Protein backbone atom coordinates (compact mmCIF):
# COMPACT_ATOMS: atom_id res chain seq x y z
CA MET A 1 24.39 -18.57 -3.47
CA GLU A 2 24.23 -21.47 -1.03
CA ARG A 3 20.78 -23.04 -0.67
CA GLY A 4 18.80 -21.51 2.19
CA LYS A 5 21.12 -18.50 2.59
CA PHE A 6 20.59 -14.89 1.59
CA ASN A 7 22.84 -11.85 1.71
CA MET A 8 22.52 -8.67 3.77
CA ALA A 9 21.61 -6.51 0.75
CA ALA A 10 18.65 -8.82 0.17
CA VAL A 11 17.68 -8.58 3.85
CA LYS A 12 17.75 -4.77 3.66
CA ASN A 13 15.62 -4.66 0.50
CA VAL A 14 13.16 -7.27 1.77
CA SER A 15 12.86 -5.20 4.96
CA PHE A 16 11.94 -2.23 2.78
CA LEU A 17 9.32 -4.36 1.02
CA VAL A 18 7.89 -5.43 4.39
CA PHE A 19 7.66 -1.76 5.41
CA ILE A 20 5.83 -0.90 2.19
CA SER A 21 3.43 -3.80 2.60
CA SER A 22 2.83 -3.03 6.31
CA SER A 23 2.09 0.60 5.51
CA LYS A 24 -0.49 -0.47 2.94
CA VAL A 25 -2.14 -2.85 5.41
CA LEU A 26 -2.31 0.02 7.91
CA ILE A 27 -3.89 2.39 5.39
CA ARG A 28 -6.34 -0.20 4.07
CA SER A 29 -7.43 -1.14 7.61
CA PHE A 30 -7.75 2.51 8.62
CA LEU A 31 -9.84 3.44 5.60
CA ILE A 32 -12.11 0.42 5.89
CA THR A 33 -12.63 1.05 9.60
CA PHE A 34 -13.05 4.82 9.51
CA GLY A 35 -13.77 5.55 5.83
CA VAL A 36 -17.48 6.33 6.17
CA GLN A 37 -16.84 8.54 9.21
CA ILE A 38 -14.04 10.39 7.42
CA MET A 39 -16.24 11.08 4.39
CA MET A 40 -19.14 12.21 6.58
CA LEU A 41 -16.84 14.63 8.43
CA LYS A 42 -15.86 15.97 5.00
CA GLN A 43 -19.44 16.69 3.91
CA VAL A 44 -20.22 13.47 2.01
CA ASP A 45 -23.71 12.00 2.56
CA ILE A 46 -23.79 8.74 4.56
CA THR A 47 -25.45 6.78 1.73
CA ILE A 48 -22.87 7.97 -0.78
CA SER A 49 -20.10 7.27 1.75
CA GLY A 50 -21.23 3.65 2.11
CA LEU A 51 -21.42 3.25 -1.66
CA VAL A 52 -17.96 4.78 -2.11
CA LEU A 53 -16.51 2.40 0.47
CA SER A 54 -18.06 -0.54 -1.41
CA VAL A 55 -16.57 0.70 -4.69
CA PHE A 56 -13.21 1.16 -2.91
CA LEU A 57 -13.28 -2.53 -1.93
CA LEU A 58 -14.37 -3.66 -5.40
CA ILE A 59 -11.69 -1.59 -7.14
CA SER A 60 -9.10 -3.11 -4.78
CA SER A 61 -9.87 -6.52 -6.24
CA PHE A 62 -9.37 -5.27 -9.78
CA GLY A 63 -6.21 -3.43 -8.73
CA THR A 64 -4.39 -6.69 -8.07
CA ILE A 65 -5.30 -8.00 -11.53
CA ILE A 66 -4.35 -4.75 -13.27
CA GLY A 67 -1.13 -4.51 -11.27
CA GLY A 68 -0.19 -8.09 -12.14
CA TYR A 69 -0.68 -7.43 -15.86
CA LEU A 70 1.35 -4.21 -15.70
CA ASN A 71 4.03 -5.99 -13.68
CA ASP A 72 4.46 -8.52 -16.49
CA ARG A 73 4.72 -5.74 -19.07
CA PHE A 74 6.82 -3.09 -17.32
CA GLY A 75 8.59 -4.74 -14.39
CA SER A 76 8.06 -4.72 -10.67
CA LYS A 77 9.93 -1.55 -9.75
CA ARG A 78 8.09 0.65 -12.26
CA VAL A 79 4.72 -0.74 -11.21
CA MET A 80 5.52 -0.36 -7.52
CA LEU A 81 6.72 3.20 -7.96
CA SER A 82 3.73 4.21 -10.10
CA PHE A 83 1.10 2.78 -7.76
CA ASN A 84 2.87 4.11 -4.65
CA LEU A 85 2.94 7.62 -6.14
CA LEU A 86 -0.78 7.29 -6.91
CA LEU A 87 -1.35 6.08 -3.35
CA PHE A 88 0.49 9.11 -1.96
CA ILE A 89 -1.55 11.53 -4.10
CA CYS A 90 -4.84 9.86 -3.16
CA MET A 91 -3.98 9.98 0.56
CA ILE A 92 -3.24 13.70 0.30
CA ILE A 93 -6.62 14.20 -1.39
CA ILE A 94 -8.41 12.19 1.31
CA ALA A 95 -6.62 13.99 4.13
CA LEU A 96 -6.85 17.56 2.84
CA PHE A 97 -9.91 17.92 0.58
CA ASP A 98 -13.69 17.63 0.87
CA GLY A 99 -16.69 16.62 -1.24
CA VAL A 100 -16.25 15.20 -4.73
CA LEU A 101 -12.44 15.17 -4.49
CA ILE A 102 -12.45 12.91 -1.45
CA VAL A 103 -14.85 10.54 -3.24
CA MET A 104 -12.43 10.31 -6.19
CA GLY A 105 -9.51 9.87 -3.79
CA PHE A 106 -11.26 6.98 -2.05
CA ILE A 107 -12.09 5.21 -5.29
CA LEU A 108 -8.58 5.57 -6.74
CA ILE A 109 -6.84 4.64 -3.50
CA GLY A 110 -8.45 1.20 -3.71
CA LEU A 111 -6.64 0.67 -7.00
CA ALA A 112 -3.40 2.16 -5.67
CA LEU A 113 -3.35 0.04 -2.51
CA SER A 114 -3.60 -3.27 -4.34
CA GLY A 115 -2.00 -2.42 -7.68
CA SER A 116 1.53 -3.15 -6.52
CA ASN A 117 0.78 -6.30 -4.49
CA THR A 118 2.12 -8.54 -7.24
CA ALA A 119 5.21 -6.37 -7.68
CA ASN A 120 5.94 -6.55 -3.97
CA ILE A 121 5.75 -10.34 -3.90
CA VAL A 122 7.74 -10.78 -7.13
CA MET A 123 10.51 -8.49 -5.86
CA ALA A 124 10.68 -10.41 -2.57
CA TYR A 125 10.97 -13.67 -4.52
CA GLU A 126 13.71 -12.23 -6.70
CA LEU A 127 15.63 -11.05 -3.63
CA MET A 128 15.23 -14.40 -1.83
CA PRO A 129 15.06 -17.04 -4.61
CA GLU A 130 16.17 -19.85 -2.31
CA ASN A 131 13.78 -18.80 0.47
CA LEU A 132 10.39 -18.41 -1.23
CA ASN A 133 8.39 -19.57 1.79
CA THR A 134 10.21 -17.11 4.03
CA ALA A 135 9.66 -14.32 1.50
CA THR A 136 5.95 -15.11 1.34
CA GLY A 137 5.68 -15.18 5.12
CA LEU A 138 7.43 -11.83 5.44
CA ILE A 139 5.42 -10.03 2.76
CA MET A 140 2.01 -11.53 3.46
CA GLY A 141 2.16 -12.62 7.11
CA LEU A 142 4.52 -10.33 8.99
CA SER A 143 3.37 -7.26 7.07
CA GLY A 144 -0.26 -7.94 7.94
CA GLY A 145 0.56 -8.32 11.61
CA LEU A 146 2.72 -5.20 11.77
CA GLY A 147 0.17 -3.10 9.88
CA GLY A 148 -2.56 -4.29 12.24
CA LEU A 149 -0.50 -3.44 15.32
CA VAL A 150 0.27 0.07 14.07
CA MET A 151 -3.47 0.46 13.33
CA LEU A 152 -4.00 0.32 17.11
CA LEU A 153 -1.70 3.34 17.49
CA TYR A 154 -3.55 5.29 14.81
CA GLY A 155 -6.87 4.43 16.47
CA LYS A 156 -5.54 5.88 19.74
CA ILE A 157 -4.32 8.99 17.90
CA ALA A 158 -7.82 9.33 16.40
CA ASP A 159 -9.28 9.18 19.93
CA ILE A 160 -6.91 11.86 21.20
CA GLN A 161 -6.48 14.23 18.23
CA GLY A 162 -9.49 13.49 16.07
CA LEU A 163 -10.12 11.40 13.00
CA ILE A 164 -9.12 14.05 10.45
CA ASN A 165 -5.73 14.67 12.11
CA SER A 166 -4.97 10.96 12.37
CA THR A 167 -5.89 10.57 8.70
CA SER A 168 -3.40 13.26 7.73
CA TYR A 169 -0.68 11.48 9.74
CA LEU A 170 -0.96 8.54 7.31
CA ILE A 171 0.87 10.72 4.79
CA ILE A 172 4.08 10.34 6.84
CA PRO A 173 4.67 6.62 6.18
CA LEU A 174 3.65 7.17 2.56
CA ILE A 175 6.46 9.68 2.06
CA MET A 176 8.82 6.92 3.17
CA VAL A 177 7.05 4.36 0.92
CA VAL A 178 7.58 6.54 -2.16
CA PHE A 179 11.22 7.19 -1.25
CA ILE A 180 11.88 3.48 -0.71
CA SER A 181 10.21 2.70 -4.04
CA PHE A 182 12.80 4.90 -5.75
CA ILE A 183 15.81 3.23 -4.10
CA LEU A 184 14.76 -0.41 -4.48
CA PRO A 185 16.76 -2.32 -7.11
CA ASN A 186 15.24 -2.96 -10.53
CA SER A 187 13.44 -6.25 -10.84
CA MET A 188 14.86 -9.03 -12.98
CA VAL A 189 11.72 -8.92 -15.12
CA ALA A 190 12.38 -5.26 -15.96
CA ASP A 191 16.06 -5.95 -16.66
CA LYS A 192 15.16 -8.67 -19.17
CA SER A 193 12.76 -6.40 -21.08
CA GLU A 194 15.20 -3.48 -21.37
């Protein structure tokens, strides 16, 4: 491959990675912004809701470390798929259930949101080995901006249709995230270990 160039298959797969990362930024922003309100609407005490949101943020930090370790052991695609499936399940719990289940969903979703961060970056680097700065900008910069812009749309939906409905609409991009996780190519790290 000529230095500074990348092929269209790489562009397609990196675009998928940007979508995954943007969706996670959207969900993280939404849950941080509205998390306490969502839990209160679902019969969780305000003090417990605040504590759960704090644990959610703390677990997110550990999720990146755990995900990085698992990425080294099992490969990026497996880690991404596993954490994205967990993310999907947790979002369904948050959107559809009340009480103790929503508390568990919130705590685990912190892990799920950050657990595949390393896998996402490693896969982007593997797809664009001669363009590492561009890959970093796409995954960390562009994704953050896109997720933040879409957050505005979800905030407007919450104003019009209510917070619980807009929360359930977050399941839609997650269906696509899980599907994309299945069709992404195996990472080079996984290929070497098999």
